[in-house]
Amino acid sequence: MDLSFYTSPLSEEIRDEGRAQGIAQSILLLLEQRDIAVPVAARERITSCGDPEMLRHWLARTITASCAEEIFAEE
């Protein structure tokens, strides 16, 4: 059985996109659960980001942010 697809650059890219989408959804869910409004521009910035490291950074900031814009501060 050929399993090369699972180790190909394309499959890794697909997995990275899935990870990024999952982290973005976590950020939005956490903001929602904390009753923090998410402006359209912030929502688009979060959902369009494909960098899992940046999204993890934003996710960590989401825990203490008082507004959605604070997660992007000091970039």
Protein backbone atom coordinates (compact mmCIF):
# COMPACT_ATOMS: atom_id res chain seq x y z
CA MET A 1 0.00 0.00 0.00
CA ASP A 2 1.41 3.38 -1.02
CA LEU A 3 1.37 5.79 1.94
CA SER A 4 3.57 8.45 0.36
CA PHE A 5 0.63 10.89 0.21
CA TYR A 6 0.67 11.17 4.00
CA THR A 7 4.26 12.41 4.01
CA SER A 8 4.13 14.59 0.93
CA PRO A 9 4.55 18.38 1.02
CA LEU A 10 0.95 18.76 -0.17
CA SER A 11 -0.44 16.68 2.69
CA GLU A 12 1.66 18.63 5.20
CA GLU A 13 0.32 21.88 3.75
CA ILE A 14 -3.25 20.60 4.10
CA ARG A 15 -2.60 19.63 7.73
CA ASP A 16 -1.07 23.06 8.45
CA GLU A 17 -4.14 24.77 7.00
CA GLY A 18 -6.38 22.61 9.19
CA ARG A 19 -4.32 23.45 12.27
CA ALA A 20 -4.48 27.16 11.50
CA GLN A 21 -8.24 27.02 11.00
CA GLY A 22 -8.66 25.18 14.29
CA ILE A 23 -6.61 27.72 16.21
CA ALA A 24 -8.47 30.62 14.56
CA GLN A 25 -11.79 29.07 15.57
CA SER A 26 -10.48 28.65 19.12
CA ILE A 27 -9.57 32.34 19.28
CA LEU A 28 -13.02 33.37 18.09
CA LEU A 29 -14.74 30.96 20.49
CA LEU A 30 -12.72 32.20 23.45
CA LEU A 31 -13.49 35.82 22.61
CA GLU A 32 -17.18 34.93 22.27
CA GLN A 33 -17.21 33.08 25.61
CA ARG A 34 -15.61 36.09 27.28
CA ASP A 35 -18.32 38.35 25.76
CA ILE A 36 -15.74 40.32 23.78
CA ALA A 37 -17.05 41.82 20.54
CA VAL A 38 -15.07 40.90 17.45
CA PRO A 39 -15.19 43.56 14.73
CA VAL A 40 -15.38 42.33 11.14
CA ALA A 41 -11.81 43.46 10.42
CA ALA A 42 -10.45 41.51 13.41
CA ARG A 43 -12.47 38.41 12.49
CA GLU A 44 -11.11 38.54 8.93
CA ARG A 45 -7.57 39.01 10.17
CA ILE A 46 -7.87 35.99 12.46
CA THR A 47 -9.57 33.69 9.95
CA SER A 48 -7.29 34.63 7.06
CA CYS A 49 -4.04 34.09 8.98
CA GLY A 50 -2.33 30.92 7.84
CA ASP A 51 0.60 31.08 10.27
CA PRO A 52 0.00 28.64 13.15
CA GLU A 53 2.74 30.27 15.28
CA MET A 54 1.15 33.71 14.99
CA LEU A 55 -2.26 32.26 15.73
CA ARG A 56 -0.89 30.53 18.85
CA HIS A 57 0.56 33.87 19.94
CA TRP A 58 -2.82 35.54 19.42
CA LEU A 59 -4.58 32.68 21.23
CA ALA A 60 -2.38 33.19 24.30
CA ARG A 61 -3.17 36.91 24.27
CA THR A 62 -6.89 36.18 23.93
CA ILE A 63 -6.90 34.78 27.46
CA THR A 64 -6.24 38.19 29.03
CA ALA A 65 -7.34 40.65 26.33
CA SER A 66 -10.08 43.12 27.20
CA CYS A 67 -10.90 43.74 23.52
CA ALA A 68 -10.24 41.92 20.25
CA GLU A 69 -7.73 44.52 19.07
CA GLU A 70 -5.45 43.78 22.05
CA ILE A 71 -4.52 40.39 20.68
CA PHE A 72 -2.76 42.10 17.76
CA ALA A 73 -0.86 44.66 19.89
CA GLU A 74 2.93 44.96 19.71
CA GLU A 75 3.43 43.07 16.48
